[in-house]
Amino acid sequence: MDPVRHALSIVSLYGDPVATVAAAAGCAMAFAARRRWAAMAGFMAMLLAVVAIEVATKVVYYGWGFRFGIASFRGVSGHVLRAFAVWPSLGFLVCAGSSRARQIAGTIAGFVLALTVLLAMVLTDTHTPAEAIAGMLVGLAVPVLLARNERLASLRGSMQLAIVATVALLCAFAPRIDYDIETAIARTAGSLHAWWDATSCAAHAAAHPCEHAGATGIGR
């Protein structure tokens, strides 16, 4: 494999389900360390909401054939969306409550990592620029809302280190999932939609055999 494409494929792993779930777990640890249970629930709800948007765009594409008016758009990029939703959020939550400079630096570090995922997905032709940018815009809603609405106490250095170490270990050693779950859901929805159409047509033909014969030319 070309070394550049190999490096880009490694970078793209930071947007896959394993790495982003690890980052989300780190965010949950940061909330739990501050005993902000309601805020944790709200954060997880936001994550589920943006992933649901991604799945919905793919369902209408694969299931109903809706083309969004853009030939190269098959739905929001899940890798890019998840990366922009969790990595800037993790950087913010780990550094929140400390100096403003550290808080900004943590958030920017997460943003840069997510941006490398976006570039990797486009440069490897996994997603078109439109799909990747859409993923970025939807995913960024999570850290933007988090930073605007949360006033969090600072974490001890030992807790910050524990969160970063946990996320790093999960990313390094958790088994990879080489499977696009959201697209699989969308394709399944498309198959169900096609099955339902075929069943409905068959039921209508059975209920109205004369109309069906006339429409198909049978008996002429």
C-alpha atoms as a PDB file:
ATOM      1  CA  MET A   1       0.000   0.000   0.000  1.00  0.00           C
ATOM      2  CA  ASP A   2       1.143   3.552  -0.721  1.00  0.00           C
ATOM      3  CA  PRO A   3       2.686   4.935   2.543  1.00  0.00           C
ATOM      4  CA  VAL A   4       0.641   8.127   2.340  1.00  0.00           C
ATOM      5  CA  ARG A   5      -2.649   6.279   1.931  1.00  0.00           C
ATOM      6  CA  HIS A   6      -1.606   3.906   4.712  1.00  0.00           C
ATOM      7  CA  ALA A   7      -0.973   6.877   7.030  1.00  0.00           C
ATOM      8  CA  LEU A   8      -4.306   8.416   6.065  1.00  0.00           C
ATOM      9  CA  SER A   9      -6.111   5.133   6.755  1.00  0.00           C
ATOM     10  CA  ILE A  10      -4.585   5.088  10.252  1.00  0.00           C
ATOM     11  CA  VAL A  11      -5.704   8.675  10.865  1.00  0.00           C
ATOM     12  CA  SER A  12      -9.234   7.821   9.751  1.00  0.00           C
ATOM     13  CA  LEU A  13      -9.444   5.272  12.579  1.00  0.00           C
ATOM     14  CA  TYR A  14      -9.922   8.184  14.995  1.00  0.00           C
ATOM     15  CA  GLY A  15     -13.367   8.625  13.493  1.00  0.00           C
ATOM     16  CA  ASP A  16     -14.404   4.970  13.676  1.00  0.00           C
ATOM     17  CA  PRO A  17     -16.913   3.667  16.256  1.00  0.00           C
ATOM     18  CA  VAL A  18     -14.261   2.228  18.609  1.00  0.00           C
ATOM     19  CA  ALA A  19     -12.147   5.387  18.873  1.00  0.00           C
ATOM     20  CA  THR A  20     -15.101   7.745  19.130  1.00  0.00           C
ATOM     21  CA  VAL A  21     -16.839   5.591  21.742  1.00  0.00           C
ATOM     22  CA  ALA A  22     -13.557   5.662  23.677  1.00  0.00           C
ATOM     23  CA  ALA A  23     -13.528   9.463  23.462  1.00  0.00           C
ATOM     24  CA  ALA A  24     -17.176   9.600  24.520  1.00  0.00           C
ATOM     25  CA  ALA A  25     -16.283   7.392  27.513  1.00  0.00           C
ATOM     26  CA  GLY A  26     -13.557   9.883  28.403  1.00  0.00           C
ATOM     27  CA  CYS A  27     -16.128  12.675  28.272  1.00  0.00           C
ATOM     28  CA  ALA A  28     -18.392  10.651  30.571  1.00  0.00           C
ATOM     29  CA  MET A  29     -15.482  10.205  32.995  1.00  0.00           C
ATOM     30  CA  ALA A  30     -14.940  13.981  33.031  1.00  0.00           C
ATOM     31  CA  PHE A  31     -18.600  14.588  33.844  1.00  0.00           C
ATOM     32  CA  ALA A  32     -18.640  11.836  36.485  1.00  0.00           C
ATOM     33  CA  ALA A  33     -15.517  13.219  38.176  1.00  0.00           C
ATOM     34  CA  ARG A  34     -17.396  16.499  38.611  1.00  0.00           C
ATOM     35  CA  ARG A  35     -20.645  14.709  39.588  1.00  0.00           C
ATOM     36  CA  ARG A  36     -22.468  16.429  36.742  1.00  0.00           C
ATOM     37  CA  TRP A  37     -24.880  13.597  36.000  1.00  0.00           C
ATOM     38  CA  ALA A  38     -27.563  15.683  34.288  1.00  0.00           C
ATOM     39  CA  ALA A  39     -24.947  17.330  32.078  1.00  0.00           C
ATOM     40  CA  MET A  40     -23.594  13.886  31.173  1.00  0.00           C
ATOM     41  CA  ALA A  41     -27.061  12.712  30.166  1.00  0.00           C
ATOM     42  CA  GLY A  42     -27.564  15.827  28.062  1.00  0.00           C
ATOM     43  CA  PHE A  43     -24.223  15.336  26.342  1.00  0.00           C
ATOM     44  CA  MET A  44     -25.003  11.711  25.497  1.00  0.00           C
ATOM     45  CA  ALA A  45     -28.413  12.776  24.183  1.00  0.00           C
ATOM     46  CA  MET A  46     -26.728  15.306  21.895  1.00  0.00           C
ATOM     47  CA  LEU A  47     -24.385  12.605  20.586  1.00  0.00           C
ATOM     48  CA  LEU A  48     -27.285  10.297  19.844  1.00  0.00           C
ATOM     49  CA  ALA A  49     -29.163  13.133  18.135  1.00  0.00           C
ATOM     50  CA  VAL A  50     -26.359  13.999  15.703  1.00  0.00           C
ATOM     51  CA  VAL A  51     -25.729  10.324  14.898  1.00  0.00           C
ATOM     52  CA  ALA A  52     -29.471   9.956  14.248  1.00  0.00           C
ATOM     53  CA  ILE A  53     -29.226  12.809  11.734  1.00  0.00           C
ATOM     54  CA  GLU A  54     -26.423  10.984   9.948  1.00  0.00           C
ATOM     55  CA  VAL A  55     -28.382   7.731   9.838  1.00  0.00           C
ATOM     56  CA  ALA A  56     -31.473   9.577   8.574  1.00  0.00           C
ATOM     57  CA  THR A  57     -29.563  11.096   5.628  1.00  0.00           C
ATOM     58  CA  LYS A  58     -28.268   7.659   4.638  1.00  0.00           C
ATOM     59  CA  VAL A  59     -31.671   6.019   5.057  1.00  0.00           C
ATOM     60  CA  VAL A  60     -33.339   8.478   2.681  1.00  0.00           C
ATOM     61  CA  TYR A  61     -30.482   7.971   0.186  1.00  0.00           C
ATOM     62  CA  TYR A  62     -30.173   4.184   0.272  1.00  0.00           C
ATOM     63  CA  GLY A  63     -33.742   3.428   1.259  1.00  0.00           C
ATOM     64  CA  TRP A  64     -35.782   5.918  -0.751  1.00  0.00           C
ATOM     65  CA  GLY A  65     -33.316   7.016  -3.413  1.00  0.00           C
ATOM     66  CA  PHE A  66     -33.433  10.686  -2.413  1.00  0.00           C
ATOM     67  CA  ARG A  67     -30.436  12.472  -3.943  1.00  0.00           C
ATOM     68  CA  PHE A  68     -30.429  15.807  -2.043  1.00  0.00           C
ATOM     69  CA  GLY A  69     -29.929  17.618  -5.354  1.00  0.00           C
ATOM     70  CA  ILE A  70     -26.192  16.788  -5.244  1.00  0.00           C
ATOM     71  CA  ALA A  71     -24.952  13.890  -7.352  1.00  0.00           C
ATOM     72  CA  SER A  72     -21.939  13.224  -5.105  1.00  0.00           C
ATOM     73  CA  PHE A  73     -23.814  13.266  -1.775  1.00  0.00           C
ATOM     74  CA  ARG A  74     -24.801   9.901  -0.281  1.00  0.00           C
ATOM     75  CA  GLY A  75     -25.324  11.101   3.279  1.00  0.00           C
ATOM     76  CA  VAL A  76     -23.404  12.725   6.106  1.00  0.00           C
ATOM     77  CA  SER A  77     -19.987  11.165   6.802  1.00  0.00           C
ATOM     78  CA  GLY A  78     -20.243   9.200  10.047  1.00  0.00           C
ATOM     79  CA  HIS A  79     -16.488   9.179  10.689  1.00  0.00           C
ATOM     80  CA  VAL A  80     -16.203  12.945  10.317  1.00  0.00           C
ATOM     81  CA  LEU A  81     -19.384  13.647  12.289  1.00  0.00           C
ATOM     82  CA  ARG A  82     -18.308  11.479  15.234  1.00  0.00           C
ATOM     83  CA  ALA A  83     -14.782  12.896  15.215  1.00  0.00           C
ATOM     84  CA  PHE A  84     -15.972  16.513  15.384  1.00  0.00           C
ATOM     85  CA  ALA A  85     -18.591  15.643  17.991  1.00  0.00           C
ATOM     86  CA  VAL A  86     -16.323  13.891  20.510  1.00  0.00           C
ATOM     87  CA  TRP A  87     -12.663  14.951  20.159  1.00  0.00           C
ATOM     88  CA  PRO A  88     -13.132  18.729  20.647  1.00  0.00           C
ATOM     89  CA  SER A  89     -15.617  17.921  23.425  1.00  0.00           C
ATOM     90  CA  LEU A  90     -13.059  15.702  25.153  1.00  0.00           C
ATOM     91  CA  GLY A  91     -10.367  18.376  24.918  1.00  0.00           C
ATOM     92  CA  PHE A  92     -12.752  20.945  26.359  1.00  0.00           C
ATOM     93  CA  LEU A  93     -13.974  18.734  29.201  1.00  0.00           C
ATOM     94  CA  VAL A  94     -10.503  17.664  30.297  1.00  0.00           C
ATOM     95  CA  CYS A  95      -9.255  21.260  30.435  1.00  0.00           C
ATOM     96  CA  ALA A  96     -12.482  23.032  31.483  1.00  0.00           C
ATOM     97  CA  GLY A  97     -12.205  25.072  34.649  1.00  0.00           C
ATOM     98  CA  SER A  98      -8.458  25.621  34.306  1.00  0.00           C
ATOM     99  CA  SER A  99      -6.871  28.641  32.645  1.00  0.00           C
ATOM    100  CA  ARG A 100      -8.574  29.956  29.546  1.00  0.00           C
ATOM    101  CA  ALA A 101      -5.444  29.307  27.510  1.00  0.00           C
ATOM    102  CA  ARG A 102      -5.375  25.608  28.485  1.00  0.00           C
ATOM    103  CA  GLN A 103      -9.100  25.281  27.834  1.00  0.00           C
ATOM    104  CA  ILE A 104      -8.731  26.754  24.351  1.00  0.00           C
ATOM    105  CA  ALA A 105      -5.633  24.626  23.681  1.00  0.00           C
ATOM    106  CA  GLY A 106      -7.454  21.416  24.653  1.00  0.00           C
ATOM    107  CA  THR A 107     -10.415  22.227  22.445  1.00  0.00           C
ATOM    108  CA  ILE A 108      -8.209  23.164  19.491  1.00  0.00           C
ATOM    109  CA  ALA A 109      -6.210  19.931  19.873  1.00  0.00           C
ATOM    110  CA  GLY A 110      -9.444  17.938  19.579  1.00  0.00           C
ATOM    111  CA  PHE A 111     -10.536  20.043  16.607  1.00  0.00           C
ATOM    112  CA  VAL A 112      -7.223  19.454  14.808  1.00  0.00           C
ATOM    113  CA  LEU A 113      -7.495  15.697  15.330  1.00  0.00           C
ATOM    114  CA  ALA A 114     -11.038  15.753  13.933  1.00  0.00           C
ATOM    115  CA  LEU A 115      -9.856  17.856  10.997  1.00  0.00           C
ATOM    116  CA  THR A 116      -7.208  15.256  10.138  1.00  0.00           C
ATOM    117  CA  VAL A 117      -9.975  12.639  10.048  1.00  0.00           C
ATOM    118  CA  LEU A 118     -11.928  14.827   7.604  1.00  0.00           C
ATOM    119  CA  LEU A 119      -8.889  15.224   5.346  1.00  0.00           C
ATOM    120  CA  ALA A 120      -8.151  11.491   5.498  1.00  0.00           C
ATOM    121  CA  MET A 121     -11.691  10.577   4.489  1.00  0.00           C
ATOM    122  CA  VAL A 122     -11.616  12.961   1.515  1.00  0.00           C
ATOM    123  CA  LEU A 123      -8.067  12.193   0.339  1.00  0.00           C
ATOM    124  CA  THR A 124      -8.696   8.427   0.402  1.00  0.00           C
ATOM    125  CA  ASP A 125     -11.926   8.964  -1.607  1.00  0.00           C
ATOM    126  CA  THR A 126     -13.948   7.377   1.170  1.00  0.00           C
ATOM    127  CA  HIS A 127     -16.217  10.419   1.212  1.00  0.00           C
ATOM    128  CA  THR A 128     -16.735  13.382  -1.066  1.00  0.00           C
ATOM    129  CA  PRO A 129     -15.931  16.878   0.234  1.00  0.00           C
ATOM    130  CA  ALA A 130     -19.653  17.616   0.514  1.00  0.00           C
ATOM    131  CA  GLU A 131     -20.258  14.541   2.697  1.00  0.00           C
ATOM    132  CA  ALA A 132     -17.252  15.314   4.895  1.00  0.00           C
ATOM    133  CA  ILE A 133     -18.116  18.993   5.368  1.00  0.00           C
ATOM    134  CA  ALA A 134     -21.709  18.080   6.206  1.00  0.00           C
ATOM    135  CA  GLY A 135     -20.374  15.683   8.845  1.00  0.00           C
ATOM    136  CA  MET A 136     -18.188  18.425  10.292  1.00  0.00           C
ATOM    137  CA  LEU A 137     -21.032  20.947  10.507  1.00  0.00           C
ATOM    138  CA  VAL A 138     -23.435  18.510  12.182  1.00  0.00           C
ATOM    139  CA  GLY A 139     -20.821  17.081  14.553  1.00  0.00           C
ATOM    140  CA  LEU A 140     -19.564  20.500  15.663  1.00  0.00           C
ATOM    141  CA  ALA A 141     -22.982  21.232  17.146  1.00  0.00           C
ATOM    142  CA  VAL A 142     -22.050  19.044  20.136  1.00  0.00           C
ATOM    143  CA  PRO A 143     -18.869  20.811  21.354  1.00  0.00           C
ATOM    144  CA  VAL A 144     -20.269  24.239  20.470  1.00  0.00           C
ATOM    145  CA  LEU A 145     -23.378  23.700  22.597  1.00  0.00           C
ATOM    146  CA  LEU A 146     -21.289  22.097  25.331  1.00  0.00           C
ATOM    147  CA  ALA A 147     -18.850  25.028  25.526  1.00  0.00           C
ATOM    148  CA  ARG A 148     -21.626  27.625  25.496  1.00  0.00           C
ATOM    149  CA  ASN A 149     -23.761  26.103  28.218  1.00  0.00           C
ATOM    150  CA  GLU A 150     -21.399  24.409  30.665  1.00  0.00           C
ATOM    151  CA  ARG A 151     -19.555  26.101  33.535  1.00  0.00           C
ATOM    152  CA  LEU A 152     -17.426  23.310  34.927  1.00  0.00           C
ATOM    153  CA  ALA A 153     -15.027  23.044  37.837  1.00  0.00           C
ATOM    154  CA  SER A 154     -11.417  22.147  37.069  1.00  0.00           C
ATOM    155  CA  LEU A 155     -10.175  18.561  37.330  1.00  0.00           C
ATOM    156  CA  ARG A 156      -7.122  17.488  39.302  1.00  0.00           C
ATOM    157  CA  GLY A 157      -4.085  16.705  37.212  1.00  0.00           C
ATOM    158  CA  SER A 158      -4.271  13.044  38.188  1.00  0.00           C
ATOM    159  CA  MET A 159      -7.848  12.804  36.923  1.00  0.00           C
ATOM    160  CA  GLN A 160      -6.948  14.536  33.665  1.00  0.00           C
ATOM    161  CA  LEU A 161      -4.111  12.056  33.180  1.00  0.00           C
ATOM    162  CA  ALA A 162      -6.410   9.114  34.006  1.00  0.00           C
ATOM    163  CA  ILE A 163      -8.971  10.217  31.407  1.00  0.00           C
ATOM    164  CA  VAL A 164      -6.365  10.731  28.683  1.00  0.00           C
ATOM    165  CA  ALA A 165      -4.670   7.408  29.500  1.00  0.00           C
ATOM    166  CA  THR A 166      -7.990   5.517  29.460  1.00  0.00           C
ATOM    167  CA  VAL A 167      -8.962   6.925  26.070  1.00  0.00           C
ATOM    168  CA  ALA A 168      -5.501   6.231  24.647  1.00  0.00           C
ATOM    169  CA  LEU A 169      -5.511   2.624  25.878  1.00  0.00           C
ATOM    170  CA  LEU A 170      -9.003   1.992  24.494  1.00  0.00           C
ATOM    171  CA  CYS A 171      -8.013   3.427  21.124  1.00  0.00           C
ATOM    172  CA  ALA A 172      -4.819   1.365  21.051  1.00  0.00           C
ATOM    173  CA  PHE A 173      -6.039  -2.017  22.265  1.00  0.00           C
ATOM    174  CA  ALA A 174      -9.808  -2.262  21.745  1.00  0.00           C
ATOM    175  CA  PRO A 175     -10.694  -4.506  18.787  1.00  0.00           C
ATOM    176  CA  ARG A 176     -11.358  -2.513  15.627  1.00  0.00           C
ATOM    177  CA  ILE A 177     -14.721  -2.646  13.908  1.00  0.00           C
ATOM    178  CA  ASP A 178     -14.169  -2.599  10.150  1.00  0.00           C
ATOM    179  CA  TYR A 179     -17.882  -2.134   9.539  1.00  0.00           C
ATOM    180  CA  ASP A 180     -19.978   0.907   8.652  1.00  0.00           C
ATOM    181  CA  ILE A 181     -22.853   0.397  11.078  1.00  0.00           C
ATOM    182  CA  GLU A 182     -24.875   3.417  10.019  1.00  0.00           C
ATOM    183  CA  THR A 183     -24.690   2.605   6.293  1.00  0.00           C
ATOM    184  CA  ALA A 184     -25.616  -1.004   7.058  1.00  0.00           C
ATOM    185  CA  ILE A 185     -28.704   0.263   8.916  1.00  0.00           C
ATOM    186  CA  ALA A 186     -29.554   2.496   5.958  1.00  0.00           C
ATOM    187  CA  ARG A 187     -29.156  -0.336   3.441  1.00  0.00           C
ATOM    188  CA  THR A 188     -31.318  -2.591   5.617  1.00  0.00           C
ATOM    189  CA  ALA A 189     -33.974   0.112   5.668  1.00  0.00           C
ATOM    190  CA  GLY A 190     -33.733   0.277   1.876  1.00  0.00           C
ATOM    191  CA  SER A 191     -34.206  -3.478   1.595  1.00  0.00           C
ATOM    192  CA  LEU A 192     -37.229  -3.329   3.894  1.00  0.00           C
ATOM    193  CA  HIS A 193     -38.658  -0.463   1.864  1.00  0.00           C
ATOM    194  CA  ALA A 194     -38.224  -2.440  -1.391  1.00  0.00           C
ATOM    195  CA  TRP A 195     -39.767  -5.535   0.229  1.00  0.00           C
ATOM    196  CA  TRP A 196     -42.740  -3.497   1.443  1.00  0.00           C
ATOM    197  CA  ASP A 197     -43.291  -2.023  -2.031  1.00  0.00           C
ATOM    198  CA  ALA A 198     -43.120  -5.461  -3.628  1.00  0.00           C
ATOM    199  CA  THR A 199     -45.513  -6.910  -1.042  1.00  0.00           C
ATOM    200  CA  SER A 200     -47.956  -4.029  -1.485  1.00  0.00           C
ATOM    201  CA  CYS A 201     -47.899  -4.434  -5.283  1.00  0.00           C
ATOM    202  CA  ALA A 202     -48.459  -8.172  -5.004  1.00  0.00           C
ATOM    203  CA  ALA A 203     -51.352  -7.642  -2.576  1.00  0.00           C
ATOM    204  CA  HIS A 204     -52.908  -5.038  -4.861  1.00  0.00           C
ATOM    205  CA  ALA A 205     -52.548  -7.350  -7.892  1.00  0.00           C
ATOM    206  CA  ALA A 206     -54.214 -10.192  -5.981  1.00  0.00           C
ATOM    207  CA  ALA A 207     -57.082  -7.956  -4.877  1.00  0.00           C
ATOM    208  CA  HIS A 208     -57.611  -6.426  -8.352  1.00  0.00           C
ATOM    209  CA  PRO A 209     -56.620  -9.082 -10.929  1.00  0.00           C
ATOM    210  CA  CYS A 210     -58.526  -7.458 -13.792  1.00  0.00           C
ATOM    211  CA  GLU A 211     -56.820  -4.097 -13.318  1.00  0.00           C
ATOM    212  CA  HIS A 212     -53.471  -5.815 -13.051  1.00  0.00           C
ATOM    213  CA  ALA A 213     -54.071  -7.795 -16.259  1.00  0.00           C
ATOM    214  CA  GLY A 214     -55.065  -4.659 -18.108  1.00  0.00           C
ATOM    215  CA  ALA A 215     -52.050  -2.708 -16.872  1.00  0.00           C
ATOM    216  CA  THR A 216     -49.583  -5.425 -17.894  1.00  0.00           C
ATOM    217  CA  GLY A 217     -51.280  -6.335 -21.180  1.00  0.00           C
ATOM    218  CA  ILE A 218     -52.147  -9.861 -20.024  1.00  0.00           C
ATOM    219  CA  GLY A 219     -55.175 -11.252 -21.822  1.00  0.00           C
ATOM    220  CA  ARG A 220     -54.919  -8.851 -24.768  1.00  0.00           C
END
